[in-house]
Amino acid sequence: MTTVLAPVEGVAVGLSAVPDPVFSAGMVGPGTAIDPAREPGKAVAPISGKIMKLHPHAYVIVGDDGKGVLVHLGIDTVQLKGKGFELLAAEGDRVRAGQPVVAWDPAAIEAGGRSPVCPVVALDAPAGSVTAVTGGPVHAGDELFLWD
């Protein structure tokens, strides 16, 4: 059982609330999403492991058990080409769950006409293997979902 932590503070809303059909339909994988607090903050590692992919707007961390978790900071934020994000770690780094990875400002993302909602996805996980928090407030580092 892998415990996946909330990477950002906000309200857990479930993947169906993500304004992107690929995430909301679960095509990337099961998980949940967080509507973040509209203030500058740091997105943290949801699990301990190695940063396999790191972009300003998204990152994947793979644990020692081979399970990978994708954190996507907002929707269509790849179009920002890194503007408004600050990397606090590097691809290939080993991180502990709860360690800051990216600094960002969800209010600035929203002001630019994009959704700041953050999908948190268990990559390559079979359907039914994730038990997620789908509502209510969460703080960065709180338990977000369990992955069998």
C-alpha atoms as a PDB file:
ATOM      1  CA  MET A   1       0.000   0.000   0.000  1.00  0.00           C
ATOM      2  CA  THR A   2       1.419   3.380  -1.028  1.00  0.00           C
ATOM      3  CA  THR A   3       0.243   6.555   0.708  1.00  0.00           C
ATOM      4  CA  VAL A   4       0.176   9.516  -1.688  1.00  0.00           C
ATOM      5  CA  LEU A   5       0.287  12.964  -0.100  1.00  0.00           C
ATOM      6  CA  ALA A   6      -1.390  16.149  -1.262  1.00  0.00           C
ATOM      7  CA  PRO A   7       1.231  18.169  -3.158  1.00  0.00           C
ATOM      8  CA  VAL A   8      -0.549  21.507  -2.601  1.00  0.00           C
ATOM      9  CA  GLU A   9      -2.984  23.137  -0.190  1.00  0.00           C
ATOM     10  CA  GLY A  10      -6.583  23.502  -1.299  1.00  0.00           C
ATOM     11  CA  VAL A  11      -9.775  21.487  -1.655  1.00  0.00           C
ATOM     12  CA  ALA A  12      -9.835  17.911  -2.955  1.00  0.00           C
ATOM     13  CA  VAL A  13     -12.343  17.873  -5.827  1.00  0.00           C
ATOM     14  CA  GLY A  14     -11.873  14.558  -7.639  1.00  0.00           C
ATOM     15  CA  LEU A  15     -10.641  14.002 -11.190  1.00  0.00           C
ATOM     16  CA  SER A  16     -14.112  14.544 -12.660  1.00  0.00           C
ATOM     17  CA  ALA A  17     -13.773  18.247 -11.713  1.00  0.00           C
ATOM     18  CA  VAL A  18     -10.630  18.712 -13.852  1.00  0.00           C
ATOM     19  CA  PRO A  19     -11.440  20.870 -16.910  1.00  0.00           C
ATOM     20  CA  ASP A  20      -9.478  18.590 -19.236  1.00  0.00           C
ATOM     21  CA  PRO A  21     -11.079  15.459 -20.747  1.00  0.00           C
ATOM     22  CA  VAL A  22      -7.898  13.364 -20.593  1.00  0.00           C
ATOM     23  CA  PHE A  23      -7.580  13.843 -16.820  1.00  0.00           C
ATOM     24  CA  SER A  24     -11.298  13.945 -15.951  1.00  0.00           C
ATOM     25  CA  ALA A  25     -11.981  10.652 -17.745  1.00  0.00           C
ATOM     26  CA  GLY A  26      -9.088   8.981 -15.909  1.00  0.00           C
ATOM     27  CA  MET A  27      -7.182   8.254 -19.136  1.00  0.00           C
ATOM     28  CA  VAL A  28      -3.866   9.186 -17.510  1.00  0.00           C
ATOM     29  CA  GLY A  29      -4.707   7.029 -14.505  1.00  0.00           C
ATOM     30  CA  PRO A  30      -6.754   7.037 -11.310  1.00  0.00           C
ATOM     31  CA  GLY A  31      -6.231   9.604  -8.580  1.00  0.00           C
ATOM     32  CA  THR A  32      -7.854  12.851  -7.551  1.00  0.00           C
ATOM     33  CA  ALA A  33      -7.423  16.587  -8.014  1.00  0.00           C
ATOM     34  CA  ILE A  34      -6.962  19.612  -5.793  1.00  0.00           C
ATOM     35  CA  ASP A  35      -8.406  23.068  -6.392  1.00  0.00           C
ATOM     36  CA  PRO A  36      -5.482  24.979  -4.862  1.00  0.00           C
ATOM     37  CA  ALA A  37      -5.532  27.909  -2.473  1.00  0.00           C
ATOM     38  CA  ARG A  38      -5.127  31.120  -4.485  1.00  0.00           C
ATOM     39  CA  GLU A  39      -1.830  32.194  -2.946  1.00  0.00           C
ATOM     40  CA  PRO A  40       1.840  31.617  -3.710  1.00  0.00           C
ATOM     41  CA  GLY A  41       3.010  28.271  -2.430  1.00  0.00           C
ATOM     42  CA  LYS A  42       5.205  25.246  -2.912  1.00  0.00           C
ATOM     43  CA  ALA A  43       4.147  21.992  -4.508  1.00  0.00           C
ATOM     44  CA  VAL A  44       5.687  19.077  -2.608  1.00  0.00           C
ATOM     45  CA  ALA A  45       6.608  15.492  -3.446  1.00  0.00           C
ATOM     46  CA  PRO A  46       3.544  13.252  -3.000  1.00  0.00           C
ATOM     47  CA  ILE A  47       5.751  10.199  -2.342  1.00  0.00           C
ATOM     48  CA  SER A  48       9.397   9.539  -1.567  1.00  0.00           C
ATOM     49  CA  GLY A  49      11.441   8.514  -4.580  1.00  0.00           C
ATOM     50  CA  LYS A  50      13.264   9.788  -7.642  1.00  0.00           C
ATOM     51  CA  ILE A  51      12.107  12.689  -9.814  1.00  0.00           C
ATOM     52  CA  MET A  52      11.892  10.984 -13.196  1.00  0.00           C
ATOM     53  CA  LYS A  53      10.394  13.953 -15.084  1.00  0.00           C
ATOM     54  CA  LEU A  54      10.439  17.571 -14.025  1.00  0.00           C
ATOM     55  CA  HIS A  55       8.890  20.433 -15.941  1.00  0.00           C
ATOM     56  CA  PRO A  56       7.930  23.738 -14.334  1.00  0.00           C
ATOM     57  CA  HIS A  57       4.219  22.829 -14.616  1.00  0.00           C
ATOM     58  CA  ALA A  58       4.380  19.073 -13.887  1.00  0.00           C
ATOM     59  CA  TYR A  59       6.495  16.335 -12.359  1.00  0.00           C
ATOM     60  CA  VAL A  60       6.614  12.575 -11.953  1.00  0.00           C
ATOM     61  CA  ILE A  61       8.125  10.886  -8.919  1.00  0.00           C
ATOM     62  CA  VAL A  62       8.720   7.132  -8.907  1.00  0.00           C
ATOM     63  CA  GLY A  63       9.053   5.359  -5.578  1.00  0.00           C
ATOM     64  CA  ASP A  64      11.387   2.485  -4.789  1.00  0.00           C
ATOM     65  CA  ASP A  65       8.421   0.134  -5.359  1.00  0.00           C
ATOM     66  CA  GLY A  66       8.204   1.317  -8.991  1.00  0.00           C
ATOM     67  CA  LYS A  67       4.963   3.247  -8.537  1.00  0.00           C
ATOM     68  CA  GLY A  68       4.915   6.644 -10.255  1.00  0.00           C
ATOM     69  CA  VAL A  69       2.823   9.664  -9.329  1.00  0.00           C
ATOM     70  CA  LEU A  70       2.172  12.581 -11.679  1.00  0.00           C
ATOM     71  CA  VAL A  71       1.478  16.054 -10.280  1.00  0.00           C
ATOM     72  CA  HIS A  72       0.193  18.551 -12.861  1.00  0.00           C
ATOM     73  CA  LEU A  73       0.112  22.166 -11.649  1.00  0.00           C
ATOM     74  CA  GLY A  74      -2.893  23.637 -13.406  1.00  0.00           C
ATOM     75  CA  ILE A  75      -4.389  22.915 -16.818  1.00  0.00           C
ATOM     76  CA  ASP A  76      -2.778  24.102 -20.072  1.00  0.00           C
ATOM     77  CA  THR A  77       0.085  25.523 -18.001  1.00  0.00           C
ATOM     78  CA  VAL A  78       2.631  23.979 -20.393  1.00  0.00           C
ATOM     79  CA  GLN A  79       1.778  27.003 -22.592  1.00  0.00           C
ATOM     80  CA  LEU A  80       3.385  29.284 -19.982  1.00  0.00           C
ATOM     81  CA  LYS A  81       6.822  27.809 -20.810  1.00  0.00           C
ATOM     82  CA  GLY A  82       7.879  27.976 -17.165  1.00  0.00           C
ATOM     83  CA  LYS A  83       6.729  31.543 -16.468  1.00  0.00           C
ATOM     84  CA  GLY A  84       5.378  31.772 -12.940  1.00  0.00           C
ATOM     85  CA  PHE A  85       7.056  28.586 -11.724  1.00  0.00           C
ATOM     86  CA  GLU A  86      10.364  28.082  -9.904  1.00  0.00           C
ATOM     87  CA  LEU A  87      12.035  24.677  -9.775  1.00  0.00           C
ATOM     88  CA  LEU A  88      13.213  23.775  -6.263  1.00  0.00           C
ATOM     89  CA  ALA A  89      14.643  20.378  -7.239  1.00  0.00           C
ATOM     90  CA  ALA A  90      16.153  18.780 -10.342  1.00  0.00           C
ATOM     91  CA  GLU A  91      15.237  15.830 -12.528  1.00  0.00           C
ATOM     92  CA  GLY A  92      17.018  12.774 -11.140  1.00  0.00           C
ATOM     93  CA  ASP A  93      16.989  14.048  -7.540  1.00  0.00           C
ATOM     94  CA  ARG A  94      15.850  11.733  -4.761  1.00  0.00           C
ATOM     95  CA  VAL A  95      13.177  13.437  -2.648  1.00  0.00           C
ATOM     96  CA  ARG A  96      11.247  12.615   0.500  1.00  0.00           C
ATOM     97  CA  ALA A  97       7.462  12.792   0.603  1.00  0.00           C
ATOM     98  CA  GLY A  98       6.562  16.364   1.557  1.00  0.00           C
ATOM     99  CA  GLN A  99       9.772  17.919   0.187  1.00  0.00           C
ATOM    100  CA  PRO A 100       9.176  21.069  -1.945  1.00  0.00           C
ATOM    101  CA  VAL A 101       9.644  20.508  -5.691  1.00  0.00           C
ATOM    102  CA  VAL A 102       8.156  23.591  -7.420  1.00  0.00           C
ATOM    103  CA  ALA A 103       7.145  27.082  -6.229  1.00  0.00           C
ATOM    104  CA  TRP A 104       4.149  28.601  -8.024  1.00  0.00           C
ATOM    105  CA  ASP A 105       1.231  31.010  -7.713  1.00  0.00           C
ATOM    106  CA  PRO A 106      -2.203  29.536  -8.522  1.00  0.00           C
ATOM    107  CA  ALA A 107      -3.812  33.016  -8.477  1.00  0.00           C
ATOM    108  CA  ALA A 108      -1.470  34.141 -11.278  1.00  0.00           C
ATOM    109  CA  ILE A 109      -2.339  31.005 -13.291  1.00  0.00           C
ATOM    110  CA  GLU A 110      -6.040  31.768 -12.912  1.00  0.00           C
ATOM    111  CA  ALA A 111      -5.544  35.474 -13.705  1.00  0.00           C
ATOM    112  CA  GLY A 112      -3.958  34.353 -16.981  1.00  0.00           C
ATOM    113  CA  GLY A 113      -7.153  32.542 -17.959  1.00  0.00           C
ATOM    114  CA  ARG A 114      -6.093  28.997 -17.048  1.00  0.00           C
ATOM    115  CA  SER A 115      -7.444  26.615 -14.451  1.00  0.00           C
ATOM    116  CA  PRO A 116      -5.088  26.137 -11.478  1.00  0.00           C
ATOM    117  CA  VAL A 117      -6.678  22.746 -10.608  1.00  0.00           C
ATOM    118  CA  CYS A 118      -3.995  20.119  -9.934  1.00  0.00           C
ATOM    119  CA  PRO A 119      -4.549  16.508 -10.982  1.00  0.00           C
ATOM    120  CA  VAL A 120      -2.575  13.989  -8.887  1.00  0.00           C
ATOM    121  CA  VAL A 121      -2.470  10.686 -10.744  1.00  0.00           C
ATOM    122  CA  ALA A 122      -1.264   7.155 -10.017  1.00  0.00           C
ATOM    123  CA  LEU A 123       0.463   6.287 -13.299  1.00  0.00           C
ATOM    124  CA  ASP A 124      -0.146   2.848 -14.815  1.00  0.00           C
ATOM    125  CA  ALA A 125      -2.415   1.941 -11.904  1.00  0.00           C
ATOM    126  CA  PRO A 126      -5.286  -0.440 -12.557  1.00  0.00           C
ATOM    127  CA  ALA A 127      -8.827   0.848 -12.064  1.00  0.00           C
ATOM    128  CA  GLY A 128     -10.004   0.339  -8.509  1.00  0.00           C
ATOM    129  CA  SER A 129      -6.493   0.331  -7.019  1.00  0.00           C
ATOM    130  CA  VAL A 130      -6.772   3.876  -5.638  1.00  0.00           C
ATOM    131  CA  THR A 131      -8.879   5.043  -2.699  1.00  0.00           C
ATOM    132  CA  ALA A 132      -8.923   8.838  -2.925  1.00  0.00           C
ATOM    133  CA  VAL A 133     -10.118  11.784  -0.905  1.00  0.00           C
ATOM    134  CA  THR A 134     -12.641  13.394  -3.245  1.00  0.00           C
ATOM    135  CA  GLY A 135     -13.839  16.310  -1.147  1.00  0.00           C
ATOM    136  CA  GLY A 136     -12.832  18.682   1.582  1.00  0.00           C
ATOM    137  CA  PRO A 137      -9.834  20.785   2.512  1.00  0.00           C
ATOM    138  CA  VAL A 138      -6.300  19.396   2.328  1.00  0.00           C
ATOM    139  CA  HIS A 139      -2.931  20.815   3.271  1.00  0.00           C
ATOM    140  CA  ALA A 140       0.282  20.020   1.420  1.00  0.00           C
ATOM    141  CA  GLY A 141       1.567  16.826   3.004  1.00  0.00           C
ATOM    142  CA  ASP A 142      -1.859  15.486   4.071  1.00  0.00           C
ATOM    143  CA  GLU A 143      -2.830  11.987   2.959  1.00  0.00           C
ATOM    144  CA  LEU A 144      -4.582  12.315  -0.417  1.00  0.00           C
ATOM    145  CA  PHE A 145      -5.015   8.709  -1.536  1.00  0.00           C
ATOM    146  CA  LEU A 146      -3.988   5.124  -0.901  1.00  0.00           C
ATOM    147  CA  TRP A 147      -2.731   2.975  -3.759  1.00  0.00           C
ATOM    148  CA  ASP A 148      -2.897  -0.824  -3.471  1.00  0.00           C
END
